[in-house]
C-alpha atoms as a PDB file:
ATOM      1  CA  UNK A   1      44.614 117.248 147.151  1.00  0.00           C
ATOM      2  CA  UNK A   2      46.118 120.248 145.387  1.00  0.00           C
ATOM      3  CA  UNK A   3      45.815 123.738 146.865  1.00  0.00           C
ATOM      4  CA  UNK A   4      44.971 125.132 143.415  1.00  0.00           C
ATOM      5  CA  UNK A   5      43.805 123.137 140.422  1.00  0.00           C
ATOM      6  CA  UNK A   6      43.043 124.939 137.159  1.00  0.00           C
ATOM      7  CA  UNK A   7      41.896 122.855 134.190  1.00  0.00           C
ATOM      8  CA  UNK A   8      41.603 124.183 130.637  1.00  0.00           C
ATOM      9  CA  UNK A   9      40.195 127.584 131.558  1.00  0.00           C
ATOM     10  CA  UNK A  10      39.261 129.963 128.754  1.00  0.00           C
ATOM     11  CA  UNK A  11      38.021 133.544 129.012  1.00  0.00           C
ATOM     12  CA  UNK A  12      37.216 135.970 126.222  1.00  0.00           C
ATOM     13  CA  UNK A  13      36.311 139.631 126.638  1.00  0.00           C
ATOM     14  CA  UNK A  14      34.077 141.268 124.026  1.00  0.00           C
ATOM     15  CA  UNK A  15      34.177 144.946 123.103  1.00  0.00           C
ATOM     16  CA  UNK A  16      33.123 147.201 120.285  1.00  0.00           C
ATOM     17  CA  UNK A  17      36.483 146.744 118.562  1.00  0.00           C
ATOM     18  CA  UNK A  18      36.425 142.949 118.738  1.00  0.00           C
ATOM     19  CA  UNK A  19      37.382 140.206 121.192  1.00  0.00           C
ATOM     20  CA  UNK A  20      40.346 139.597 123.456  1.00  0.00           C
ATOM     21  CA  UNK A  21      41.360 136.102 124.532  1.00  0.00           C
ATOM     22  CA  UNK A  22      42.351 136.826 128.120  1.00  0.00           C
ATOM     23  CA  UNK A  23      42.955 133.136 128.938  1.00  0.00           C
ATOM     24  CA  UNK A  24      43.345 130.320 126.426  1.00  0.00           C
ATOM     25  CA  UNK A  25      43.161 126.723 127.672  1.00  0.00           C
ATOM     26  CA  UNK A  26      45.085 127.502 130.877  1.00  0.00           C
ATOM     27  CA  UNK A  27      45.891 124.580 133.166  1.00  0.00           C
ATOM     28  CA  UNK A  28      48.102 124.526 136.254  1.00  0.00           C
ATOM     29  CA  UNK A  29      48.288 123.033 139.731  1.00  0.00           C
ATOM     30  CA  UNK A  30      49.769 124.316 142.973  1.00  0.00           C
ATOM     31  CA  UNK A  31      50.710 121.934 145.770  1.00  0.00           C
ATOM     32  CA  UNK A  32      49.812 122.645 149.372  1.00  0.00           C
ATOM     33  CA  UNK A  33      52.546 124.466 151.283  1.00  0.00           C
ATOM     34  CA  UNK A  34      54.496 125.770 148.285  1.00  0.00           C
ATOM     35  CA  UNK A  35      55.165 129.258 146.981  1.00  0.00           C
ATOM     36  CA  UNK A  36      54.038 129.291 143.356  1.00  0.00           C
ATOM     37  CA  UNK A  37      54.969 132.220 141.135  1.00  0.00           C
ATOM     38  CA  UNK A  38      52.711 133.401 138.311  1.00  0.00           C
ATOM     39  CA  UNK A  39      54.884 135.658 136.159  1.00  0.00           C
ATOM     40  CA  UNK A  40      54.098 137.566 133.021  1.00  0.00           C
ATOM     41  CA  UNK A  41      53.856 141.056 131.516  1.00  0.00           C
ATOM     42  CA  UNK A  42      50.913 143.380 132.115  1.00  0.00           C
ATOM     43  CA  UNK A  43      47.893 142.107 130.202  1.00  0.00           C
ATOM     44  CA  UNK A  44      49.132 138.508 130.205  1.00  0.00           C
ATOM     45  CA  UNK A  45      46.050 137.199 132.044  1.00  0.00           C
ATOM     46  CA  UNK A  46      47.281 137.067 135.655  1.00  0.00           C
ATOM     47  CA  UNK A  47      44.531 139.299 137.080  1.00  0.00           C
ATOM     48  CA  UNK A  48      41.825 137.472 135.126  1.00  0.00           C
ATOM     49  CA  UNK A  49      43.013 134.117 136.491  1.00  0.00           C
ATOM     50  CA  UNK A  50      43.194 135.398 140.076  1.00  0.00           C
ATOM     51  CA  UNK A  51      39.712 136.902 139.723  1.00  0.00           C
ATOM     52  CA  UNK A  52      38.431 133.438 138.823  1.00  0.00           C
ATOM     53  CA  UNK A  53      40.214 131.801 141.740  1.00  0.00           C
ATOM     54  CA  UNK A  54      38.559 134.177 144.221  1.00  0.00           C
ATOM     55  CA  UNK A  55      35.149 133.688 142.607  1.00  0.00           C
ATOM     56  CA  UNK A  56      34.450 137.147 141.222  1.00  0.00           C
ATOM     57  CA  UNK A  57      34.796 136.202 137.549  1.00  0.00           C
ATOM     58  CA  UNK A  58      33.440 133.165 135.715  1.00  0.00           C
ATOM     59  CA  UNK A  59      35.366 131.305 132.990  1.00  0.00           C
ATOM     60  CA  UNK A  60      33.788 130.679 129.594  1.00  0.00           C
ATOM     61  CA  UNK A  61      34.924 127.074 129.919  1.00  0.00           C
ATOM     62  CA  UNK A  62      37.116 124.971 132.187  1.00  0.00           C
ATOM     63  CA  UNK A  63      37.227 124.696 135.971  1.00  0.00           C
ATOM     64  CA  UNK A  64      39.156 126.190 138.890  1.00  0.00           C
ATOM     65  CA  UNK A  65      39.307 124.593 142.327  1.00  0.00           C
ATOM     66  CA  UNK A  66      40.792 125.689 145.653  1.00  0.00           C
ATOM     67  CA  UNK A  67      41.451 122.795 148.058  1.00  0.00           C
ATOM     68  CA  UNK A  68      38.987 120.713 146.060  1.00  0.00           C
ATOM     69  CA  UNK A  69      36.236 123.355 146.138  1.00  0.00           C
ATOM     70  CA  UNK A  70      34.841 124.692 142.856  1.00  0.00           C
ATOM     71  CA  UNK A  71      35.573 128.433 142.748  1.00  0.00           C
ATOM     72  CA  UNK A  72      32.279 129.205 140.992  1.00  0.00           C
ATOM     73  CA  UNK A  73      29.903 126.729 142.628  1.00  0.00           C
ATOM     74  CA  UNK A  74      31.343 126.806 146.158  1.00  0.00           C
ATOM     75  CA  UNK A  75      32.486 130.415 146.273  1.00  0.00           C
ATOM     76  CA  UNK A  76      31.784 131.059 149.974  1.00  0.00           C
ATOM     77  CA  UNK A  77      33.724 127.961 151.027  1.00  0.00           C
ATOM     78  CA  UNK A  78      36.622 129.004 148.802  1.00  0.00           C
ATOM     79  CA  UNK A  79      36.669 132.597 150.011  1.00  0.00           C
ATOM     80  CA  UNK A  80      36.757 131.492 153.646  1.00  0.00           C
ATOM     81  CA  UNK A  81      40.072 129.736 152.987  1.00  0.00           C
ATOM     82  CA  UNK A  82      41.892 132.464 151.029  1.00  0.00           C
ATOM     83  CA  UNK A  83      42.947 136.098 151.256  1.00  0.00           C
ATOM     84  CA  UNK A  84      44.778 138.579 149.039  1.00  0.00           C
ATOM     85  CA  UNK A  85      47.563 141.084 149.699  1.00  0.00           C
ATOM     86  CA  UNK A  86      48.269 143.582 146.936  1.00  0.00           C
ATOM     87  CA  UNK A  87      51.112 146.043 146.662  1.00  0.00           C
ATOM     88  CA  UNK A  88      48.659 148.470 145.072  1.00  0.00           C
ATOM     89  CA  UNK A  89      46.083 148.480 147.895  1.00  0.00           C
ATOM     90  CA  UNK A  90      44.943 151.660 149.584  1.00  0.00           C
ATOM     91  CA  UNK A  91      44.349 152.032 153.303  1.00  0.00           C
ATOM     92  CA  UNK A  92      40.968 152.967 154.725  1.00  0.00           C
ATOM     93  CA  UNK A  93      41.143 156.649 155.578  1.00  0.00           C
ATOM     94  CA  UNK A  94      40.482 157.990 159.076  1.00  0.00           C
ATOM     95  CA  UNK A  95      40.884 154.587 160.732  1.00  0.00           C
ATOM     96  CA  UNK A  96      43.839 153.559 162.827  1.00  0.00           C
ATOM     97  CA  UNK A  97      45.714 150.363 162.014  1.00  0.00           C
ATOM     98  CA  UNK A  98      43.984 148.516 164.835  1.00  0.00           C
ATOM     99  CA  UNK A  99      40.533 149.896 163.959  1.00  0.00           C
ATOM    100  CA  UNK A 100      40.924 148.932 160.298  1.00  0.00           C
ATOM    101  CA  UNK A 101      42.016 145.395 161.170  1.00  0.00           C
ATOM    102  CA  UNK A 102      39.085 145.081 163.562  1.00  0.00           C
ATOM    103  CA  UNK A 103      36.757 146.109 160.722  1.00  0.00           C
ATOM    104  CA  UNK A 104      38.190 143.427 158.415  1.00  0.00           C
ATOM    105  CA  UNK A 105      38.024 140.858 161.208  1.00  0.00           C
ATOM    106  CA  UNK A 106      34.311 141.586 161.629  1.00  0.00           C
ATOM    107  CA  UNK A 107      33.758 141.095 157.894  1.00  0.00           C
ATOM    108  CA  UNK A 108      35.312 137.632 158.194  1.00  0.00           C
ATOM    109  CA  UNK A 109      33.391 136.929 161.422  1.00  0.00           C
ATOM    110  CA  UNK A 110      36.676 136.275 163.228  1.00  0.00           C
ATOM    111  CA  UNK A 111      36.381 135.104 166.812  1.00  0.00           C
ATOM    112  CA  UNK A 112      38.631 136.617 169.510  1.00  0.00           C
ATOM    113  CA  UNK A 113      39.344 139.585 167.253  1.00  0.00           C
ATOM    114  CA  UNK A 114      41.339 141.530 169.845  1.00  0.00           C
ATOM    115  CA  UNK A 115      43.729 138.661 170.585  1.00  0.00           C
ATOM    116  CA  UNK A 116      44.260 137.751 166.934  1.00  0.00           C
ATOM    117  CA  UNK A 117      44.879 141.354 165.883  1.00  0.00           C
ATOM    118  CA  UNK A 118      47.313 141.917 168.738  1.00  0.00           C
ATOM    119  CA  UNK A 119      49.173 138.737 167.791  1.00  0.00           C
ATOM    120  CA  UNK A 120      49.434 139.712 164.109  1.00  0.00           C
ATOM    121  CA  UNK A 121      50.604 143.245 164.899  1.00  0.00           C
ATOM    122  CA  UNK A 122      53.350 141.915 167.158  1.00  0.00           C
ATOM    123  CA  UNK A 123      54.314 139.266 164.628  1.00  0.00           C
ATOM    124  CA  UNK A 124      54.683 141.905 161.899  1.00  0.00           C
ATOM    125  CA  UNK A 125      56.547 144.279 164.171  1.00  0.00           C
ATOM    126  CA  UNK A 126      54.026 147.129 164.029  1.00  0.00           C
ATOM    127  CA  UNK A 127      52.270 146.753 167.376  1.00  0.00           C
ATOM    128  CA  UNK A 128      53.727 150.087 168.486  1.00  0.00           C
ATOM    129  CA  UNK A 129      52.021 151.769 165.521  1.00  0.00           C
ATOM    130  CA  UNK A 130      48.564 150.284 166.134  1.00  0.00           C
ATOM    131  CA  UNK A 131      47.028 153.700 166.924  1.00  0.00           C
ATOM    132  CA  UNK A 132      48.468 155.405 163.847  1.00  0.00           C
ATOM    133  CA  UNK A 133      46.211 156.188 160.872  1.00  0.00           C
ATOM    134  CA  UNK A 134      46.876 153.360 158.422  1.00  0.00           C
ATOM    135  CA  UNK A 135      47.370 155.769 155.501  1.00  0.00           C
ATOM    136  CA  UNK A 136      50.171 157.571 157.414  1.00  0.00           C
ATOM    137  CA  UNK A 137      52.406 154.515 157.704  1.00  0.00           C
ATOM    138  CA  UNK A 138      55.645 154.327 155.750  1.00  0.00           C
ATOM    139  CA  UNK A 139      55.526 152.113 152.664  1.00  0.00           C
ATOM    140  CA  UNK A 140      57.302 149.250 154.436  1.00  0.00           C
ATOM    141  CA  UNK A 141      55.108 149.428 157.546  1.00  0.00           C
ATOM    142  CA  UNK A 142      51.999 149.785 155.399  1.00  0.00           C
ATOM    143  CA  UNK A 143      52.818 146.552 153.600  1.00  0.00           C
ATOM    144  CA  UNK A 144      53.222 144.816 156.964  1.00  0.00           C
ATOM    145  CA  UNK A 145      49.785 146.138 157.872  1.00  0.00           C
ATOM    146  CA  UNK A 146      48.353 144.736 154.612  1.00  0.00           C
ATOM    147  CA  UNK A 147      49.916 141.361 155.402  1.00  0.00           C
ATOM    148  CA  UNK A 148      48.187 141.486 158.809  1.00  0.00           C
ATOM    149  CA  UNK A 149      44.964 142.129 156.925  1.00  0.00           C
ATOM    150  CA  UNK A 150      45.730 139.197 154.608  1.00  0.00           C
ATOM    151  CA  UNK A 151      46.218 136.837 157.547  1.00  0.00           C
ATOM    152  CA  UNK A 152      43.250 138.070 159.593  1.00  0.00           C
ATOM    153  CA  UNK A 153      41.052 135.084 158.644  1.00  0.00           C
ATOM    154  CA  UNK A 154      43.898 132.555 159.007  1.00  0.00           C
ATOM    155  CA  UNK A 155      43.798 131.610 155.277  1.00  0.00           C
ATOM    156  CA  UNK A 156      45.193 128.354 153.938  1.00  0.00           C
ATOM    157  CA  UNK A 157      46.003 130.129 150.650  1.00  0.00           C
ATOM    158  CA  UNK A 158      47.452 133.642 150.523  1.00  0.00           C
ATOM    159  CA  UNK A 159      47.584 135.428 147.162  1.00  0.00           C
ATOM    160  CA  UNK A 160      50.360 138.030 147.030  1.00  0.00           C
ATOM    161  CA  UNK A 161      50.080 140.470 144.129  1.00  0.00           C
ATOM    162  CA  UNK A 162      53.304 142.471 143.727  1.00  0.00           C
ATOM    163  CA  UNK A 163      53.930 142.489 147.516  1.00  0.00           C
ATOM    164  CA  UNK A 164      57.167 144.515 147.335  1.00  0.00           C
ATOM    165  CA  UNK A 165      56.303 147.005 144.589  1.00  0.00           C
ATOM    166  CA  UNK A 166      57.431 150.519 145.510  1.00  0.00           C
ATOM    167  CA  UNK A 167      59.395 149.405 148.574  1.00  0.00           C
ATOM    168  CA  UNK A 168      62.975 150.415 149.280  1.00  0.00           C
ATOM    169  CA  UNK A 169      65.586 147.667 149.279  1.00  0.00           C
ATOM    170  CA  UNK A 170      65.629 147.176 153.050  1.00  0.00           C
ATOM    171  CA  UNK A 171      61.826 147.010 153.320  1.00  0.00           C
ATOM    172  CA  UNK A 172      61.618 144.592 150.376  1.00  0.00           C
ATOM    173  CA  UNK A 173      64.136 142.271 152.050  1.00  0.00           C
ATOM    174  CA  UNK A 174      62.091 142.344 155.263  1.00  0.00           C
ATOM    175  CA  UNK A 175      58.842 141.565 153.401  1.00  0.00           C
ATOM    176  CA  UNK A 176      60.468 138.645 151.581  1.00  0.00           C
ATOM    177  CA  UNK A 177      61.565 137.248 154.949  1.00  0.00           C
ATOM    178  CA  UNK A 178      57.983 137.558 156.198  1.00  0.00           C
ATOM    179  CA  UNK A 179      56.764 135.682 153.107  1.00  0.00           C
ATOM    180  CA  UNK A 180      59.173 132.823 153.824  1.00  0.00           C
ATOM    181  CA  UNK A 181      57.999 132.752 157.447  1.00  0.00           C
ATOM    182  CA  UNK A 182      54.360 132.548 156.281  1.00  0.00           C
ATOM    183  CA  UNK A 183      55.234 129.569 154.122  1.00  0.00           C
ATOM    184  CA  UNK A 184      56.923 127.872 157.087  1.00  0.00           C
ATOM    185  CA  UNK A 185      53.553 128.037 158.870  1.00  0.00           C
ATOM    186  CA  UNK A 186      52.249 125.613 156.258  1.00  0.00           C
ATOM    187  CA  UNK A 187      50.340 128.110 154.134  1.00  0.00           C
ATOM    188  CA  UNK A 188      50.243 128.008 150.350  1.00  0.00           C
ATOM    189  CA  UNK A 189      51.247 131.210 148.554  1.00  0.00           C
ATOM    190  CA  UNK A 190      50.429 132.309 145.008  1.00  0.00           C
ATOM    191  CA  UNK A 191      52.833 135.118 144.117  1.00  0.00           C
ATOM    192  CA  UNK A 192      52.799 137.570 141.230  1.00  0.00           C
ATOM    193  CA  UNK A 193      55.776 139.867 140.784  1.00  0.00           C
ATOM    194  CA  UNK A 194      57.775 141.681 138.127  1.00  0.00           C
ATOM    195  CA  UNK A 195      60.905 141.301 140.256  1.00  0.00           C
ATOM    196  CA  UNK A 196      62.688 138.292 138.751  1.00  0.00           C
ATOM    197  CA  UNK A 197      65.244 138.124 141.580  1.00  0.00           C
ATOM    198  CA  UNK A 198      62.386 137.953 144.051  1.00  0.00           C
ATOM    199  CA  UNK A 199      60.638 135.212 142.080  1.00  0.00           C
ATOM    200  CA  UNK A 200      63.763 133.073 141.866  1.00  0.00           C
ATOM    201  CA  UNK A 201      64.573 133.605 145.546  1.00  0.00           C
ATOM    202  CA  UNK A 202      61.106 132.828 146.925  1.00  0.00           C
ATOM    203  CA  UNK A 203      59.292 130.454 144.588  1.00  0.00           C
ATOM    204  CA  UNK A 204      59.351 126.676 144.722  1.00  0.00           C
ATOM    205  CA  UNK A 205      57.811 126.571 141.261  1.00  0.00           C
ATOM    206  CA  UNK A 206      56.943 129.166 138.639  1.00  0.00           C
ATOM    207  CA  UNK A 207      54.623 129.468 135.639  1.00  0.00           C
ATOM    208  CA  UNK A 208      55.320 131.988 132.873  1.00  0.00           C
ATOM    209  CA  UNK A 209      52.138 133.314 131.263  1.00  0.00           C
ATOM    210  CA  UNK A 210      51.929 135.415 128.089  1.00  0.00           C
ATOM    211  CA  UNK A 211      48.919 136.461 126.011  1.00  0.00           C
ATOM    212  CA  UNK A 212      46.643 134.275 128.083  1.00  0.00           C
ATOM    213  CA  UNK A 213      48.704 131.099 127.674  1.00  0.00           C
ATOM    214  CA  UNK A 214      50.989 129.233 130.043  1.00  0.00           C
ATOM    215  CA  UNK A 215      54.356 129.043 128.276  1.00  0.00           C
ATOM    216  CA  UNK A 216      56.358 126.994 130.739  1.00  0.00           C
ATOM    217  CA  UNK A 217      56.147 125.692 134.318  1.00  0.00           C
ATOM    218  CA  UNK A 218      58.781 124.315 136.670  1.00  0.00           C
ATOM    219  CA  UNK A 219      61.254 125.104 139.410  1.00  0.00           C
ATOM    220  CA  UNK A 220      63.483 128.133 138.740  1.00  0.00           C
ATOM    221  CA  UNK A 221      66.359 125.745 137.954  1.00  0.00           C
ATOM    222  CA  UNK A 222      64.257 123.609 135.619  1.00  0.00           C
ATOM    223  CA  UNK A 223      63.113 126.698 133.717  1.00  0.00           C
ATOM    224  CA  UNK A 224      66.680 127.985 133.477  1.00  0.00           C
ATOM    225  CA  UNK A 225      67.956 124.667 132.143  1.00  0.00           C
ATOM    226  CA  UNK A 226      65.047 124.385 129.715  1.00  0.00           C
ATOM    227  CA  UNK A 227      65.241 127.902 128.307  1.00  0.00           C
ATOM    228  CA  UNK A 228      68.948 128.699 128.491  1.00  0.00           C
ATOM    229  CA  UNK A 229      69.835 126.124 125.824  1.00  0.00           C
ATOM    230  CA  UNK A 230      73.341 126.993 124.695  1.00  0.00           C
ATOM    231  CA  UNK A 231      76.058 127.499 127.301  1.00  0.00           C
ATOM    232  CA  UNK A 232      78.262 130.569 127.394  1.00  0.00           C
ATOM    233  CA  UNK A 233      81.916 130.171 128.352  1.00  0.00           C
ATOM    234  CA  UNK A 234      84.124 133.139 129.234  1.00  0.00           C
ATOM    235  CA  UNK A 235      87.813 132.796 128.461  1.00  0.00           C
ATOM    236  CA  UNK A 236      90.371 135.206 129.887  1.00  0.00           C
ATOM    237  CA  UNK A 237      93.474 135.037 127.710  1.00  0.00           C
ATOM    238  CA  UNK A 238      96.525 136.984 126.538  1.00  0.00           C
ATOM    239  CA  UNK A 239      95.414 137.205 122.876  1.00  0.00           C
ATOM    240  CA  UNK A 240      91.645 136.990 122.349  1.00  0.00           C
ATOM    241  CA  UNK A 241      91.849 137.287 118.543  1.00  0.00           C
ATOM    242  CA  UNK A 242      94.334 134.451 118.277  1.00  0.00           C
ATOM    243  CA  UNK A 243      92.193 132.185 120.469  1.00  0.00           C
ATOM    244  CA  UNK A 244      89.047 133.053 118.477  1.00  0.00           C
ATOM    245  CA  UNK A 245      90.820 132.153 115.252  1.00  0.00           C
ATOM    246  CA  UNK A 246      91.982 128.871 116.753  1.00  0.00           C
ATOM    247  CA  UNK A 247      88.343 127.908 117.478  1.00  0.00           C
ATOM    248  CA  UNK A 248      87.133 128.581 113.939  1.00  0.00           C
ATOM    249  CA  UNK A 249      85.451 125.629 112.266  1.00  0.00           C
ATOM    250  CA  UNK A 250      84.719 123.783 115.516  1.00  0.00           C
ATOM    251  CA  UNK A 251      81.170 122.377 115.233  1.00  0.00           C
ATOM    252  CA  UNK A 252      78.630 123.779 117.695  1.00  0.00           C
ATOM    253  CA  UNK A 253      81.032 126.445 118.962  1.00  0.00           C
ATOM    254  CA  UNK A 254      80.847 130.167 118.271  1.00  0.00           C
ATOM    255  CA  UNK A 255      83.536 132.529 119.581  1.00  0.00           C
ATOM    256  CA  UNK A 256      82.919 136.260 120.107  1.00  0.00           C
ATOM    257  CA  UNK A 257      85.485 138.835 121.230  1.00  0.00           C
ATOM    258  CA  UNK A 258      83.930 140.629 124.186  1.00  0.00           C
ATOM    259  CA  UNK A 259      86.776 142.961 125.129  1.00  0.00           C
ATOM    260  CA  UNK A 260      90.585 142.951 125.188  1.00  0.00           C
ATOM    261  CA  UNK A 261      91.718 139.602 126.622  1.00  0.00           C
ATOM    262  CA  UNK A 262      88.106 138.432 127.089  1.00  0.00           C
ATOM    263  CA  UNK A 263      86.472 135.941 124.735  1.00  0.00           C
ATOM    264  CA  UNK A 264      82.912 134.616 124.999  1.00  0.00           C
ATOM    265  CA  UNK A 265      82.335 131.177 123.503  1.00  0.00           C
ATOM    266  CA  UNK A 266      78.829 129.826 122.868  1.00  0.00           C
ATOM    267  CA  UNK A 267      78.655 126.025 123.090  1.00  0.00           C
ATOM    268  CA  UNK A 268      75.498 124.168 121.996  1.00  0.00           C
ATOM    269  CA  UNK A 269      76.316 120.961 123.907  1.00  0.00           C
ATOM    270  CA  UNK A 270      78.594 120.164 126.826  1.00  0.00           C
ATOM    271  CA  UNK A 271      79.759 117.072 124.915  1.00  0.00           C
ATOM    272  CA  UNK A 272      81.773 119.463 122.752  1.00  0.00           C
ATOM    273  CA  UNK A 273      83.756 120.746 125.726  1.00  0.00           C
ATOM    274  CA  UNK A 274      86.435 118.061 125.337  1.00  0.00           C
ATOM    275  CA  UNK A 275      87.179 119.158 121.771  1.00  0.00           C
ATOM    276  CA  UNK A 276      87.005 122.811 122.824  1.00  0.00           C
ATOM    277  CA  UNK A 277      89.652 122.228 125.499  1.00  0.00           C
ATOM    278  CA  UNK A 278      91.919 120.484 122.998  1.00  0.00           C
ATOM    279  CA  UNK A 279      91.687 123.478 120.670  1.00  0.00           C
ATOM    280  CA  UNK A 280      92.433 125.896 123.497  1.00  0.00           C
ATOM    281  CA  UNK A 281      95.548 123.946 124.455  1.00  0.00           C
ATOM    282  CA  UNK A 282      96.836 124.177 120.903  1.00  0.00           C
ATOM    283  CA  UNK A 283      96.165 127.943 120.601  1.00  0.00           C
ATOM    284  CA  UNK A 284      99.020 130.420 120.712  1.00  0.00           C
ATOM    285  CA  UNK A 285      98.973 132.701 123.756  1.00  0.00           C
ATOM    286  CA  UNK A 286      98.212 132.095 127.409  1.00  0.00           C
ATOM    287  CA  UNK A 287      94.826 131.032 128.841  1.00  0.00           C
ATOM    288  CA  UNK A 288      94.384 132.613 132.273  1.00  0.00           C
ATOM    289  CA  UNK A 289      90.924 131.334 133.199  1.00  0.00           C
ATOM    290  CA  UNK A 290      87.847 129.547 131.839  1.00  0.00           C
ATOM    291  CA  UNK A 291      84.420 129.979 133.465  1.00  0.00           C
ATOM    292  CA  UNK A 292      80.775 129.490 132.609  1.00  0.00           C
ATOM    293  CA  UNK A 293      78.427 132.476 132.450  1.00  0.00           C
ATOM    294  CA  UNK A 294      74.924 131.570 133.624  1.00  0.00           C
ATOM    295  CA  UNK A 295      72.033 133.763 132.443  1.00  0.00           C
ATOM    296  CA  UNK A 296      70.181 135.428 135.285  1.00  0.00           C
ATOM    297  CA  UNK A 297      66.470 134.819 135.775  1.00  0.00           C
ATOM    298  CA  UNK A 298      65.576 138.160 134.215  1.00  0.00           C
ATOM    299  CA  UNK A 299      67.306 137.125 130.989  1.00  0.00           C
ATOM    300  CA  UNK A 300      65.519 133.755 131.111  1.00  0.00           C
ATOM    301  CA  UNK A 301      62.190 135.557 131.546  1.00  0.00           C
ATOM    302  CA  UNK A 302      62.819 137.839 128.560  1.00  0.00           C
ATOM    303  CA  UNK A 303      63.877 134.898 126.380  1.00  0.00           C
ATOM    304  CA  UNK A 304      60.743 133.011 127.395  1.00  0.00           C
ATOM    305  CA  UNK A 305      58.437 135.927 126.603  1.00  0.00           C
ATOM    306  CA  UNK A 306      60.118 136.369 123.207  1.00  0.00           C
ATOM    307  CA  UNK A 307      59.829 132.659 122.469  1.00  0.00           C
ATOM    308  CA  UNK A 308      56.175 132.680 123.508  1.00  0.00           C
ATOM    309  CA  UNK A 309      55.475 135.559 121.141  1.00  0.00           C
ATOM    310  CA  UNK A 310      57.187 133.735 118.284  1.00  0.00           C
ATOM    311  CA  UNK A 311      55.085 130.628 118.965  1.00  0.00           C
ATOM    312  CA  UNK A 312      51.913 132.733 118.844  1.00  0.00           C
END
């Protein structure tokens, strides 16, 4: 049984100026125990989809299930198994960390509230700050507090919406470690983030969404291999212009002078590498090094969004 199963969901918003297709025939599945990234620009449909998963918004058509439960028809059962942590949340004013967590625990009808809250505070490293007003915590400590809140009902699925937004580098690293630890407990995590490094580092699989449509889904490596297409080779040589001239006319190969003694060569298929090497051997001048330049995940994301727009 999948943790999340979304099948052909559509959602259209109507306004005085017309209609907006927030989600168009969206389907995806998330396995139990994995971190699944849902990545896309603002307005891509991420919030609409999450709102359907938690049962506060109904689709026009299609179905969404959490651990086999229909998100619309079995909303209470679904909500008992999930929780959300958002990087944009605000803390309840005038309540201490411990008081606020006790309030949330009562809402979820949690048994042994005191013991569970104490355990979460110690686990997140903020037990010593339990009497502080929640709104007075530093950004890093506040996010740890929100994660305590997200785990208060022992959810099987934790939805993390931009969990490290606004955090300094050190705090973001600590939160990412906490996320990995949560996964090791056997929980499923649905993650949204605009931090492509974070997505690649944490996620087992990722879906790119744009204009309400899923563009591609796979592991970070699968998406890289699928989207990157042509390979880029960097050649460090004594005479970049001479080497570029020597590669002229070679099918599937495009040479570009990047800087003095540096040549970038775009190759459309690795099968052409043998012929490329033969040409390089015959070129005048010395070849100091040859290395492949892999696009980072941010570049892959931008290429995917551009490609998705062209398809639309």
